[in-house]
Amino acid sequence: MKVLVTGGGGFLGSAICRQLCALNHSVVAFQRSAADSLSQLGVEVIQGDICDFAALSGAAIGCDAIIHTAGKAGIWGNREDYWRINVTGTETVIQVCRQAGVGILVHTSSPSIVQGGRDIEGGDESLPVNDKFLAPYPETKARAEKLALGANSSNLKVNALRPHLIWGPDDPHILPRLAASVRRGKLALPGADKTIDTVFVENAARAHIDAMNELAERAHSAGKAYFISNDEPMPQGKIIGKLLRAVGVEAEIKPVPTWLVQVAGVICELLWRRLKLKSEPPVTRFSADQLSTAHWYNISAAKRDLAYRADISTELGLEILRRASAAG
């Protein structure tokens, strides 16, 4: 197939592009910046804005499927920026699919759209999507998933994946934030004993290809969302310690009361808004909530419908990360 990957130069998108090339698909990557490493693999790299209908339409010519990973992630920022990229961008992708006759769309969503204020232990896709949010990221991802799944039809088959806490070599989000939080060899962490699950980037990428293939064959997954993880839940403090050691950072996990971090999140948000600071606060209500609660998911539906398997275990993924970090 000829596949367009939006956000193809990003962390997840580039892994998807590499795997598609290895499977002999014709690949087009669409993103804001250059991606020389993808060009060297034979990927057609097109730079553009996800909301630019004309540019995206040009990139989609002749494509059989779109894997839509482009989005704005983070715990802080201007709501309008998140809305434009995550919501308007998804609307543009759907319009392009319809205009260009692309019959398959795999949308990258987020488990954060069902999280908030409570522990989730073994939850599945029957969990309701929230209607109140602590940050623009989960709010706009919830809206984007609703738009994507709502576009499912006989002419455009759509499913959505909710990969949970993606990590691996070149991770620009989780690992840098964790490493930056270590102070004098210690990491203050609420909910260190709370169980979470995560997913190695190559597993998350393969899940997207599995989802695309399923839509091209039986399409039993059309109109549905799926949680994706390594299926190895463990205490938050344990996996964070392992991740930090894999990138060469030794840190003692120092448990702190969850209420203290939650209060700090409220205070930081008030100060940053009052002072109109452009930097990211050290903690927000959203990040405090994420760190203070358990969140791991039953991925039986993805195994059943998509034939998804986490081929790279957490321990093997950590070894891959360790070697990549040592190589610099």
Protein backbone atom coordinates (compact mmCIF):
# COMPACT_ATOMS: atom_id res chain seq x y z
CA MET A 1 0.00 0.00 0.00
CA LYS A 2 0.93 3.63 -0.30
CA VAL A 3 0.69 5.15 3.18
CA LEU A 4 0.80 8.77 4.33
CA VAL A 5 2.05 9.24 7.89
CA THR A 6 1.25 12.65 9.36
CA GLY A 7 3.85 13.66 11.90
CA GLY A 8 6.10 11.17 10.13
CA GLY A 9 9.25 12.90 11.33
CA GLY A 10 8.21 12.69 14.98
CA PHE A 11 9.08 10.14 17.65
CA LEU A 12 6.22 7.73 16.97
CA GLY A 13 5.74 8.71 13.33
CA SER A 14 9.33 7.99 12.35
CA ALA A 15 9.15 4.52 13.93
CA ILE A 16 5.99 3.84 11.92
CA CYS A 17 7.68 5.02 8.72
CA ARG A 18 10.70 2.78 9.32
CA GLN A 19 8.52 -0.25 9.91
CA LEU A 20 6.35 0.46 6.88
CA CYS A 21 9.46 0.69 4.71
CA ALA A 22 10.74 -2.61 6.11
CA LEU A 23 7.41 -4.15 5.07
CA ASN A 24 7.86 -2.76 1.53
CA HIS A 25 5.05 -0.21 1.68
CA SER A 26 5.41 3.05 -0.23
CA VAL A 27 5.62 5.77 2.43
CA VAL A 28 4.99 9.50 2.46
CA ALA A 29 5.83 11.47 5.61
CA PHE A 30 4.15 14.83 6.19
CA GLN A 31 5.40 17.12 8.94
CA ARG A 32 6.64 20.62 9.69
CA SER A 33 10.38 19.95 9.58
CA ALA A 34 12.88 18.11 7.42
CA ALA A 35 13.55 14.42 8.10
CA ASP A 36 16.80 13.43 6.40
CA SER A 37 16.91 10.03 8.11
CA LEU A 38 13.56 9.12 6.54
CA SER A 39 14.59 10.39 3.11
CA GLN A 40 17.59 8.06 3.28
CA LEU A 41 15.18 5.14 3.73
CA GLY A 42 13.30 6.07 0.58
CA VAL A 43 10.43 7.85 2.33
CA GLU A 44 8.95 10.76 0.40
CA VAL A 45 9.21 13.60 2.88
CA ILE A 46 6.85 16.56 2.47
CA GLN A 47 6.98 19.56 4.79
CA GLY A 48 3.79 21.39 5.63
CA ASP A 49 1.23 22.43 8.22
CA ILE A 50 -1.32 19.82 9.27
CA CYS A 51 -4.09 22.40 8.82
CA ASP A 52 -3.03 23.26 5.26
CA PHE A 53 -5.65 21.42 3.20
CA ALA A 54 -3.93 22.00 -0.14
CA ALA A 55 -0.52 20.81 1.05
CA LEU A 56 -1.94 17.77 2.80
CA SER A 57 -4.11 16.92 -0.21
CA GLY A 58 -1.04 16.99 -2.41
CA ALA A 59 0.77 14.63 -0.07
CA ALA A 60 -2.19 12.23 -0.05
CA ILE A 61 -2.43 11.79 -3.83
CA GLY A 62 -2.49 8.09 -4.63
CA CYS A 63 -2.43 7.01 -1.00
CA ASP A 64 -4.46 4.03 0.21
CA ALA A 65 -4.19 4.87 3.91
CA ILE A 66 -3.31 7.66 6.32
CA ILE A 67 -1.82 7.07 9.75
CA HIS A 68 -2.44 10.31 11.62
CA THR A 69 0.11 10.77 14.40
CA ALA A 70 0.63 14.53 14.07
CA GLY A 71 -0.40 16.40 17.20
CA LYS A 72 0.63 18.75 19.95
CA ALA A 73 1.52 17.00 23.20
CA GLY A 74 2.47 18.39 26.60
CA ILE A 75 1.16 19.40 29.99
CA TRP A 76 1.02 23.16 29.45
CA GLY A 77 0.42 25.71 26.74
CA ASN A 78 -2.03 27.87 24.88
CA ARG A 79 -5.38 26.14 24.38
CA GLU A 80 -5.79 27.66 20.92
CA ASP A 81 -2.52 26.08 19.78
CA TYR A 82 -3.63 22.66 20.99
CA TRP A 83 -7.06 23.08 19.39
CA ARG A 84 -5.64 24.16 16.02
CA ILE A 85 -3.20 21.25 15.73
CA ASN A 86 -5.12 18.45 17.44
CA VAL A 87 -8.70 19.28 16.47
CA THR A 88 -8.53 21.41 13.33
CA GLY A 89 -5.64 19.26 12.10
CA THR A 90 -7.74 16.11 12.50
CA GLU A 91 -10.66 17.77 10.71
CA THR A 92 -8.30 18.57 7.84
CA VAL A 93 -7.05 14.98 7.67
CA ILE A 94 -10.63 13.69 7.49
CA GLN A 95 -11.50 16.18 4.74
CA VAL A 96 -8.43 15.13 2.77
CA CYS A 97 -9.33 11.44 3.12
CA ARG A 98 -12.76 12.13 1.69
CA GLN A 99 -11.54 14.42 -1.08
CA ALA A 100 -8.65 12.17 -2.14
CA GLY A 101 -10.57 8.93 -1.81
CA VAL A 102 -8.30 7.53 0.90
CA GLY A 103 -10.20 4.56 2.35
CA ILE A 104 -8.28 3.88 5.58
CA LEU A 105 -7.48 6.19 8.51
CA VAL A 106 -5.69 5.17 11.70
CA HIS A 107 -5.87 7.95 14.29
CA THR A 108 -3.45 8.29 17.21
CA SER A 109 -5.40 9.17 20.33
CA SER A 110 -4.45 9.10 24.03
CA PRO A 111 -5.51 7.28 27.22
CA SER A 112 -5.49 10.67 28.96
CA ILE A 113 -8.98 11.29 27.56
CA VAL A 114 -10.44 8.83 30.08
CA GLN A 115 -8.12 9.58 33.01
CA GLY A 116 -8.56 12.06 35.79
CA GLY A 117 -9.09 12.12 39.53
CA ARG A 118 -9.26 8.37 40.11
CA ASP A 119 -7.29 5.16 39.84
CA ILE A 120 -7.82 3.11 36.68
CA GLU A 121 -6.67 -0.48 37.12
CA GLY A 122 -7.31 -2.84 34.24
CA GLY A 123 -9.84 -0.52 32.62
CA ASP A 124 -10.95 -1.26 29.08
CA GLU A 125 -12.57 0.59 26.20
CA SER A 126 -15.92 0.70 27.99
CA LEU A 127 -14.52 3.55 30.12
CA PRO A 128 -16.33 6.79 29.25
CA VAL A 129 -14.41 9.66 27.70
CA ASN A 130 -14.21 12.57 30.15
CA ASP A 131 -16.26 15.71 29.71
CA LYS A 132 -14.08 17.81 32.02
CA PHE A 133 -10.33 18.19 31.67
CA LEU A 134 -7.41 19.64 33.59
CA ALA A 135 -5.41 20.65 30.49
CA PRO A 136 -5.89 21.39 26.79
CA TYR A 137 -4.01 18.28 25.68
CA PRO A 138 -6.53 15.65 26.88
CA GLU A 139 -9.42 17.96 26.02
CA THR A 140 -8.36 18.36 22.40
CA LYS A 141 -7.34 14.72 22.01
CA ALA A 142 -10.80 13.69 23.20
CA ARG A 143 -12.42 15.95 20.64
CA ALA A 144 -10.09 14.73 17.90
CA GLU A 145 -10.84 11.06 18.64
CA LYS A 146 -14.57 11.76 18.54
CA LEU A 147 -14.19 13.46 15.16
CA ALA A 148 -12.06 10.65 13.76
CA LEU A 149 -14.32 7.81 14.86
CA GLY A 150 -17.37 9.80 13.84
CA ALA A 151 -15.99 9.94 10.30
CA ASN A 152 -16.03 6.15 9.98
CA SER A 153 -18.17 5.06 7.02
CA SER A 154 -18.36 2.52 4.25
CA ASN A 155 -16.01 4.69 2.18
CA LEU A 156 -13.63 5.66 4.98
CA LYS A 157 -12.77 3.03 7.57
CA VAL A 158 -11.38 4.58 10.75
CA ASN A 159 -10.04 3.29 14.05
CA ALA A 160 -8.16 4.99 16.88
CA LEU A 161 -5.29 3.85 19.09
CA ARG A 162 -4.55 5.04 22.61
CA PRO A 163 -0.86 4.19 23.22
CA HIS A 164 0.05 4.73 26.86
CA LEU A 165 3.24 6.59 27.81
CA ILE A 166 5.44 5.87 24.78
CA TRP A 167 9.18 5.67 25.46
CA GLY A 168 12.35 4.58 23.71
CA PRO A 169 15.49 5.99 22.07
CA ASP A 170 15.14 9.63 20.97
CA ASP A 171 12.04 10.13 23.14
CA PRO A 172 11.51 13.93 23.24
CA HIS A 173 8.87 13.93 25.96
CA ILE A 174 8.90 11.51 28.92
CA LEU A 175 12.59 10.74 29.36
CA PRO A 176 13.90 14.33 29.12
CA ARG A 177 11.25 15.51 31.58
CA LEU A 178 12.10 12.75 34.04
CA ALA A 179 15.83 13.38 33.81
CA ALA A 180 15.34 17.12 34.28
CA SER A 181 13.28 16.45 37.43
CA VAL A 182 16.17 14.72 39.24
CA ARG A 183 17.72 17.04 41.79
CA ARG A 184 20.95 16.08 43.59
CA GLY A 185 20.39 12.42 42.83
CA LYS A 186 16.79 12.38 44.06
CA LEU A 187 13.42 12.40 42.34
CA ALA A 188 10.41 13.60 44.29
CA LEU A 189 7.51 11.41 43.22
CA PRO A 190 3.93 11.18 44.39
CA GLY A 191 2.20 7.86 43.87
CA ALA A 192 5.44 5.90 43.57
CA ASP A 193 3.52 2.75 44.47
CA LYS A 194 0.70 3.41 41.98
CA THR A 195 0.63 0.92 39.11
CA ILE A 196 0.94 2.17 35.54
CA ASP A 197 1.68 0.67 32.16
CA THR A 198 3.78 2.03 29.30
CA VAL A 199 4.65 1.08 25.73
CA PHE A 200 7.97 0.82 23.91
CA VAL A 201 7.92 2.98 20.78
CA GLU A 202 8.46 0.12 18.33
CA ASN A 203 5.49 -1.75 19.81
CA ALA A 204 3.34 1.37 19.54
CA ALA A 205 4.41 1.76 15.92
CA ARG A 206 3.62 -1.87 15.10
CA ALA A 207 0.17 -1.46 16.67
CA HIS A 208 -0.59 1.27 14.14
CA ILE A 209 0.40 -0.98 11.26
CA ASP A 210 -1.68 -3.81 12.74
CA ALA A 211 -4.62 -1.40 12.93
CA MET A 212 -4.14 -0.33 9.32
CA ASN A 213 -3.93 -3.92 8.11
CA GLU A 214 -7.06 -4.88 10.02
CA LEU A 215 -9.03 -2.08 8.40
CA ALA A 216 -7.78 -3.21 5.00
CA GLU A 217 -8.92 -6.78 5.63
CA ARG A 218 -11.85 -7.52 7.96
CA ALA A 219 -12.42 -3.95 9.24
CA HIS A 220 -13.87 -5.34 12.46
CA SER A 221 -12.06 -2.50 14.25
CA ALA A 222 -13.75 0.23 12.18
CA GLY A 223 -15.29 2.89 14.39
CA LYS A 224 -13.53 1.65 17.52
CA ALA A 225 -10.74 2.81 19.85
CA TYR A 226 -8.09 0.58 21.43
CA PHE A 227 -5.70 0.93 24.37
CA ILE A 228 -2.11 -0.04 23.53
CA SER A 229 0.64 -0.87 26.02
CA ASN A 230 3.45 -3.33 26.69
CA ASP A 231 0.94 -5.23 28.84
CA GLU A 232 3.40 -5.21 31.76
CA PRO A 233 1.95 -2.95 34.47
CA MET A 234 4.26 -2.19 37.37
CA PRO A 235 4.64 0.37 40.18
CA GLN A 236 5.35 3.84 38.83
CA GLY A 237 8.48 4.27 40.92
CA LYS A 238 9.89 1.01 39.57
CA ILE A 239 9.46 1.74 35.87
CA ILE A 240 10.64 5.34 36.28
CA GLY A 241 13.78 4.13 38.06
CA LYS A 242 14.44 1.64 35.27
CA LEU A 243 13.97 4.27 32.57
CA LEU A 244 16.30 6.72 34.30
CA ARG A 245 19.02 4.10 34.76
CA ALA A 246 18.73 3.15 31.10
CA VAL A 247 19.66 6.72 30.12
CA GLY A 248 22.47 6.85 32.65
CA VAL A 249 20.71 8.71 35.46
CA GLU A 250 20.83 7.20 38.94
CA ALA A 251 18.13 8.63 41.18
CA GLU A 252 16.69 7.79 44.54
CA ILE A 253 12.90 7.89 44.39
CA LYS A 254 11.69 10.12 47.20
CA PRO A 255 7.95 9.64 47.85
CA VAL A 256 6.03 12.83 48.56
CA PRO A 257 2.37 13.23 49.63
CA THR A 258 0.00 13.36 46.68
CA TRP A 259 -1.94 16.23 48.22
CA LEU A 260 1.22 18.34 48.35
CA VAL A 261 1.89 17.89 44.63
CA GLN A 262 -1.74 18.55 43.75
CA VAL A 263 -1.69 21.81 45.71
CA ALA A 264 1.61 22.72 44.07
CA GLY A 265 0.00 22.15 40.67
CA VAL A 266 -2.78 24.62 41.44
CA ILE A 267 -0.37 27.23 42.81
CA CYS A 268 2.04 26.90 39.87
CA GLU A 269 -0.74 27.34 37.33
CA LEU A 270 -2.02 30.45 39.12
CA LEU A 271 1.45 31.97 39.31
CA TRP A 272 2.34 31.20 35.69
CA ARG A 273 -0.90 32.73 34.45
CA ARG A 274 -0.72 35.74 36.75
CA LEU A 275 2.89 36.48 35.82
CA LYS A 276 2.33 35.49 32.16
CA LEU A 277 5.40 33.26 32.23
CA LYS A 278 6.22 31.56 28.94
CA SER A 279 8.08 28.61 30.45
CA GLU A 280 6.42 25.36 31.49
CA PRO A 281 5.56 25.08 35.21
CA PRO A 282 7.42 22.35 37.13
CA VAL A 283 4.06 20.81 37.98
CA THR A 284 0.47 21.41 36.84
CA ARG A 285 -2.91 20.05 37.91
CA PHE A 286 -2.77 17.65 34.97
CA SER A 287 0.72 16.31 35.67
CA ALA A 288 -0.03 16.07 39.41
CA ASP A 289 -3.12 14.02 38.66
CA GLN A 290 -1.19 11.74 36.31
CA LEU A 291 1.54 11.15 38.88
CA SER A 292 -0.86 10.62 41.79
CA THR A 293 -3.11 7.92 40.31
CA ALA A 294 -2.85 4.40 38.96
CA HIS A 295 -3.54 4.02 35.25
CA TRP A 296 -3.09 0.76 33.44
CA TYR A 297 -5.32 -0.87 30.87
CA ASN A 298 -6.70 -4.18 29.70
CA ILE A 299 -5.53 -4.53 26.09
CA SER A 300 -7.47 -7.71 25.31
CA ALA A 301 -9.47 -5.91 22.62
CA ALA A 302 -6.32 -4.90 20.72
CA LYS A 303 -5.00 -8.45 20.97
CA ARG A 304 -8.28 -9.89 19.75
CA ASP A 305 -9.24 -7.44 17.00
CA LEU A 306 -5.86 -6.17 15.79
CA ALA A 307 -3.74 -9.26 16.55
CA TYR A 308 -1.49 -6.83 18.46
CA ARG A 309 1.38 -8.23 20.49
CA ALA A 310 4.10 -6.37 22.38
CA ASP A 311 6.96 -8.17 20.66
CA ILE A 312 9.60 -6.12 22.47
CA SER A 313 9.32 -6.67 26.23
CA THR A 314 9.97 -3.87 28.69
CA GLU A 315 13.31 -5.39 29.69
CA LEU A 316 14.42 -5.75 26.06
CA GLY A 317 13.24 -2.22 25.33
CA LEU A 318 15.27 -0.94 28.27
CA GLU A 319 18.35 -2.70 26.93
CA ILE A 320 17.79 -1.12 23.51
CA LEU A 321 17.40 2.26 25.20
CA ARG A 322 20.54 1.66 27.29
CA ARG A 323 22.64 0.87 24.22
CA ALA A 324 21.29 3.85 22.27
CA SER A 325 22.01 6.19 25.20
CA ALA A 326 25.53 4.85 25.62
CA ALA A 327 26.17 5.36 21.91
CA GLY A 328 25.20 8.99 22.33
